[in-house]
Protein backbone atom coordinates (compact mmCIF):
# COMPACT_ATOMS: atom_id res chain seq x y z
CA UNK A 1 -27.25 -26.27 -21.74
CA UNK A 2 -26.97 -29.62 -20.85
CA UNK A 3 -24.67 -32.06 -22.19
CA UNK A 4 -22.10 -33.27 -19.96
CA UNK A 5 -22.13 -36.14 -17.79
CA UNK A 6 -20.51 -34.84 -14.82
CA UNK A 7 -19.71 -31.33 -13.27
CA UNK A 8 -18.77 -28.41 -14.89
CA UNK A 9 -15.05 -26.90 -13.56
CA UNK A 10 -14.52 -24.00 -16.25
CA UNK A 11 -16.41 -21.90 -18.55
CA UNK A 12 -15.69 -18.99 -21.04
CA UNK A 13 -16.88 -17.24 -24.27
CA UNK A 14 -15.57 -16.51 -27.32
CA UNK A 15 -14.40 -13.33 -27.82
CA UNK A 16 -17.28 -12.41 -30.79
CA UNK A 17 -19.21 -13.91 -27.79
CA UNK A 18 -21.06 -16.49 -30.19
CA UNK A 19 -19.67 -19.33 -28.39
CA UNK A 20 -19.14 -20.79 -24.97
CA UNK A 21 -16.92 -23.22 -23.96
CA UNK A 22 -17.26 -25.28 -21.17
CA UNK A 23 -14.88 -27.95 -19.67
CA UNK A 24 -15.67 -30.81 -17.15
CA UNK A 25 -15.08 -33.88 -14.68
CA UNK A 26 -16.28 -35.91 -17.80
CA UNK A 27 -13.02 -34.76 -19.50
CA UNK A 28 -14.83 -33.59 -22.36
CA UNK A 29 -14.90 -29.84 -23.52
CA UNK A 30 -18.37 -28.68 -25.24
CA UNK A 31 -18.31 -25.74 -27.57
CA UNK A 32 -21.60 -24.61 -27.74
CA UNK A 33 -23.40 -22.13 -30.10
CA UNK A 34 -25.40 -19.32 -28.02
CA UNK A 35 -27.82 -18.49 -30.36
CA UNK A 36 -29.40 -21.93 -30.84
CA UNK A 37 -28.25 -23.63 -27.13
CA UNK A 38 -27.00 -26.62 -29.52
CA UNK A 39 -23.68 -28.29 -29.36
CA UNK A 40 -21.33 -27.36 -31.87
CA UNK A 41 -18.04 -29.87 -31.46
CA UNK A 42 -16.88 -32.29 -28.71
CA UNK A 43 -13.55 -32.46 -27.78
CA UNK A 44 -11.59 -35.41 -26.54
CA UNK A 45 -7.86 -35.91 -25.81
CA UNK A 46 -7.82 -35.49 -22.36
CA UNK A 47 -7.38 -38.39 -20.41
CA UNK A 48 -8.36 -36.57 -16.70
CA UNK A 49 -10.61 -33.98 -15.35
CA UNK A 50 -10.69 -30.36 -17.17
CA UNK A 51 -10.00 -27.31 -14.81
CA UNK A 52 -9.65 -24.69 -17.09
CA UNK A 53 -10.68 -23.50 -20.61
CA UNK A 54 -9.77 -20.30 -22.34
CA UNK A 55 -10.16 -18.44 -25.81
CA UNK A 56 -7.07 -16.61 -27.65
CA UNK A 57 -7.72 -13.00 -28.12
CA UNK A 58 -8.76 -13.67 -31.98
CA UNK A 59 -11.23 -16.73 -31.04
CA UNK A 60 -9.02 -19.07 -33.50
CA UNK A 61 -7.68 -20.96 -30.97
CA UNK A 62 -8.98 -22.46 -27.28
CA UNK A 63 -6.86 -23.77 -24.37
CA UNK A 64 -7.26 -26.58 -22.13
CA UNK A 65 -6.05 -27.47 -18.77
CA UNK A 66 -6.47 -30.76 -17.00
CA UNK A 67 -5.90 -32.58 -14.06
CA UNK A 68 -3.87 -35.01 -16.86
CA UNK A 69 -0.89 -32.67 -16.11
CA UNK A 70 -1.22 -31.67 -19.53
CA UNK A 71 -2.30 -28.18 -21.47
CA UNK A 72 -3.99 -28.90 -25.05
CA UNK A 73 -4.33 -25.96 -27.80
CA UNK A 74 -7.72 -26.68 -29.86
CA UNK A 75 -8.75 -25.26 -33.50
CA UNK A 76 -11.90 -23.83 -33.28
CA UNK A 77 -12.94 -23.84 -36.34
CA UNK A 78 -12.06 -27.31 -36.95
CA UNK A 79 -12.25 -28.90 -33.19
CA UNK A 80 -8.41 -30.77 -33.89
CA UNK A 81 -6.11 -30.13 -31.05
CA UNK A 82 -3.03 -28.25 -32.38
CA UNK A 83 -0.40 -29.30 -29.92
CA UNK A 84 -0.06 -30.59 -26.62
CA UNK A 85 1.95 -28.74 -23.94
CA UNK A 86 4.01 -30.58 -20.99
CA UNK A 87 6.32 -29.80 -18.68
CA UNK A 88 4.17 -30.16 -15.14
CA UNK A 89 4.43 -31.92 -11.86
CA UNK A 90 1.31 -30.65 -10.75
CA UNK A 91 -2.31 -29.74 -12.86
CA UNK A 92 -2.41 -26.21 -14.11
CA UNK A 93 -5.47 -24.58 -12.69
CA UNK A 94 -5.86 -21.93 -14.71
CA UNK A 95 -4.59 -20.38 -17.75
CA UNK A 96 -4.76 -16.53 -19.50
CA UNK A 97 -4.12 -15.02 -22.10
CA UNK A 98 -2.24 -12.23 -22.55
CA UNK A 99 -4.15 -9.17 -24.56
CA UNK A 100 -2.46 -9.79 -27.93
CA UNK A 101 -2.69 -13.55 -28.05
CA UNK A 102 1.03 -14.40 -28.50
CA UNK A 103 2.30 -15.31 -24.87
CA UNK A 104 0.05 -17.74 -21.93
CA UNK A 105 0.50 -17.77 -18.67
CA UNK A 106 -0.36 -21.07 -16.99
CA UNK A 107 -0.02 -21.74 -13.42
CA UNK A 108 0.73 -25.34 -11.34
CA UNK A 109 1.13 -25.02 -7.59
CA UNK A 110 3.68 -22.32 -6.75
CA UNK A 111 5.04 -22.09 -10.17
CA UNK A 112 3.86 -19.81 -13.40
CA UNK A 113 5.10 -21.04 -16.97
CA UNK A 114 5.10 -18.33 -19.91
CA UNK A 115 4.40 -20.45 -22.93
CA UNK A 116 4.32 -19.26 -26.38
CA UNK A 117 1.71 -19.86 -28.55
CA UNK A 118 3.23 -20.32 -31.50
CA UNK A 119 6.33 -22.07 -31.25
CA UNK A 120 4.04 -23.95 -28.45
CA UNK A 121 7.43 -23.69 -26.08
CA UNK A 122 7.89 -22.38 -22.72
CA UNK A 123 9.51 -18.96 -22.26
CA UNK A 124 9.82 -18.39 -18.78
CA UNK A 125 9.05 -19.91 -15.53
CA UNK A 126 8.14 -17.74 -12.55
CA UNK A 127 8.75 -18.84 -8.92
CA UNK A 128 7.74 -16.27 -6.35
CA UNK A 129 5.38 -17.84 -4.19
CA UNK A 130 6.12 -20.26 -1.75
CA UNK A 131 2.30 -21.94 -1.99
CA UNK A 132 0.01 -22.57 -4.05
CA UNK A 133 -0.39 -20.06 -6.81
CA UNK A 134 -4.07 -19.75 -7.01
CA UNK A 135 -4.93 -16.48 -9.83
CA UNK A 136 -3.29 -14.85 -12.44
CA UNK A 137 -3.87 -12.31 -14.95
CA UNK A 138 -2.54 -9.83 -17.69
CA UNK A 139 -2.95 -6.21 -17.57
CA UNK A 140 -4.28 -4.40 -20.52
CA UNK A 141 -0.95 -4.14 -22.25
CA UNK A 142 0.51 -7.65 -21.74
CA UNK A 143 4.06 -6.00 -19.83
CA UNK A 144 2.86 -7.18 -16.47
CA UNK A 145 1.66 -10.50 -14.77
CA UNK A 146 -0.78 -10.13 -11.42
CA UNK A 147 -0.52 -13.55 -9.58
CA UNK A 148 -2.46 -14.42 -5.94
CA UNK A 149 -1.18 -17.41 -4.19
CA UNK A 150 -1.79 -18.99 -0.91
CA UNK A 151 0.65 -17.52 0.72
CA UNK A 152 -1.53 -14.28 1.26
CA UNK A 153 0.55 -12.39 -1.10
CA UNK A 154 0.26 -10.75 -4.71
CA UNK A 155 3.47 -10.68 -7.51
CA UNK A 156 3.30 -8.41 -9.96
CA UNK A 157 5.86 -9.61 -12.94
CA UNK A 158 7.37 -8.28 -15.29
CA UNK A 159 6.73 -10.41 -18.41
CA UNK A 160 9.84 -9.71 -20.69
CA UNK A 161 12.27 -9.96 -17.86
CA UNK A 162 10.31 -12.78 -15.79
CA UNK A 163 11.22 -10.46 -12.67
CA UNK A 164 8.77 -9.36 -9.59
CA UNK A 165 8.12 -6.04 -9.77
CA UNK A 166 6.57 -5.55 -6.76
CA UNK A 167 4.96 -7.85 -3.83
CA UNK A 168 1.58 -6.65 -2.42
CA UNK A 169 1.16 -7.75 1.31
CA UNK A 170 -2.52 -6.70 2.93
CA UNK A 171 -4.50 -10.17 3.10
CA UNK A 172 -4.71 -12.53 6.01
CA UNK A 173 -5.67 -15.16 4.16
CA UNK A 174 -5.15 -16.67 1.00
CA UNK A 175 -5.88 -15.01 -2.51
CA UNK A 176 -8.59 -15.91 -4.93
CA UNK A 177 -8.90 -13.87 -7.41
CA UNK A 178 -7.22 -10.99 -9.23
CA UNK A 179 -8.35 -8.64 -12.01
CA UNK A 180 -6.67 -5.49 -13.18
CA UNK A 181 -8.74 -2.05 -14.13
CA UNK A 182 -9.06 -1.42 -17.81
CA UNK A 183 -6.53 1.39 -17.71
CA UNK A 184 -4.25 -1.03 -15.80
CA UNK A 185 -3.71 1.57 -12.97
CA UNK A 186 -5.74 -0.62 -10.35
CA UNK A 187 -5.70 -4.17 -9.47
CA UNK A 188 -8.60 -5.53 -7.38
CA UNK A 189 -7.85 -8.77 -5.25
CA UNK A 190 -10.18 -11.14 -2.85
CA UNK A 191 -9.45 -13.59 -0.59
CA UNK A 192 -10.43 -16.39 2.30
CA UNK A 193 -10.38 -13.60 4.64
CA UNK A 194 -13.30 -11.84 2.65
CA UNK A 195 -11.25 -8.61 1.85
CA UNK A 196 -11.60 -6.97 -1.69
CA UNK A 197 -8.35 -5.03 -2.15
CA UNK A 198 -7.78 -2.02 -4.24
CA UNK A 199 -4.52 -1.67 -5.43
CA UNK A 200 -2.03 1.16 -6.85
CA UNK A 201 -0.05 -0.87 -9.33
CA UNK A 202 2.60 1.53 -9.71
CA UNK A 203 3.04 2.46 -5.64
CA UNK A 204 2.31 -1.51 -5.01
CA UNK A 205 0.24 0.23 -1.70
CA UNK A 206 -3.38 -0.82 -0.96
CA UNK A 207 -6.26 1.97 -1.85
CA UNK A 208 -8.97 0.73 -0.53
CA UNK A 209 -10.27 -2.46 1.60
CA UNK A 210 -13.81 -3.40 1.28
CA UNK A 211 -15.77 -6.16 3.41
CA UNK A 212 -19.71 -7.22 3.18
CA UNK A 213 -19.67 -10.86 1.83
CA UNK A 214 -17.82 -13.81 1.41
CA UNK A 215 -16.07 -13.60 -1.72
CA UNK A 216 -14.56 -15.77 -4.60
CA UNK A 217 -14.27 -13.92 -7.71
CA UNK A 218 -13.99 -10.43 -8.26
CA UNK A 219 -14.08 -8.28 -11.69
CA UNK A 220 -13.66 -4.75 -13.35
CA UNK A 221 -16.78 -2.98 -15.51
CA UNK A 222 -15.61 -2.54 -19.08
CA UNK A 223 -15.49 1.64 -18.07
CA UNK A 224 -13.64 0.96 -14.97
CA UNK A 225 -16.28 2.36 -12.67
CA UNK A 226 -17.13 -0.16 -10.96
CA UNK A 227 -16.56 -3.81 -9.44
CA UNK A 228 -18.30 -6.92 -9.19
CA UNK A 229 -17.63 -9.47 -6.11
CA UNK A 230 -19.41 -12.63 -5.86
CA UNK A 231 -19.48 -15.20 -3.12
CA UNK A 232 -21.92 -16.20 -0.55
CA UNK A 233 -25.00 -16.53 -3.49
CA UNK A 234 -24.81 -12.50 -4.40
CA UNK A 235 -22.80 -10.51 -6.28
CA UNK A 236 -22.60 -7.18 -5.23
CA UNK A 237 -21.89 -3.86 -7.31
CA UNK A 238 -19.58 -1.49 -6.20
CA UNK A 239 -18.96 1.91 -7.48
CA UNK A 240 -15.72 2.92 -6.98
CA UNK A 241 -15.97 6.49 -6.71
CA UNK A 242 -18.52 6.37 -3.74
CA UNK A 243 -17.81 2.97 -2.45
C-alpha cells in the first residue's frame, strides 16, 4: 500500500478486518480497503505527526493521537471528525480502547488519561510512573489497565477507582510492550533489557523470564497457548507450556 509521503508510525485493523488505518509523519491518516488495496479516505486535521491510531471495538470510530498534543475521534463511515480531545502538555504516544468501547486510555509523558468516549471528556488522570509511560493495555473485561514505563516498572490499575493495584518490578531497563492473556490472568512484558517476563496478575509475581533476542513488541495468541515476540528482524513464537 502506497499513498503516504513520509514515514508511517502506526497502523490498525478494523474489527471486521476489512479496513486498515495508517497514521504518518505526513500528518494524514489513510483508510485502506484491504481486499482491493485502494484508498477509501484520507483524513486531515492534525497539524503535526500522527503517533497512534486505533479503532473502537464496534469499528465505527477511529481515534488518532498526534505530536500536536490532541486526540481526534473520527467517524469511519463519513471520514469526518467527531471530537477533538485536548489537555496534554506532551503528545500522546499511544491509545487503547476498553473492550466494550466506552472508555479510552491515552498516555503522555508520566501520565495516563482515561476518557469517556461518548462525552468526549476525561474521567481520570492516573499518575504512578516517574518516567515516560511507554505502553498501555486493558485486560479482557476492561476493569484493569496495565502500563509499562521508562522507570522499569509495570503498574496494574483499577479502572473504576484509578488506584494502583500492584507495581511489578523485574525489568532492569524500560518496558517497551505489555499484553494480557485472553483470560486476563497473565500479563507478558518486554523490555530494553531484552527480557520477556510473564506475570501472574493476581499475585503480582513473575512466572517466567525468557531471553533469546532483542525484543520490541509482544502479543498473545487468541487461544492463549503461545506468545509472539518481535524485534531483531525476527519474530519468535513461544509455546507457553514448554517454553
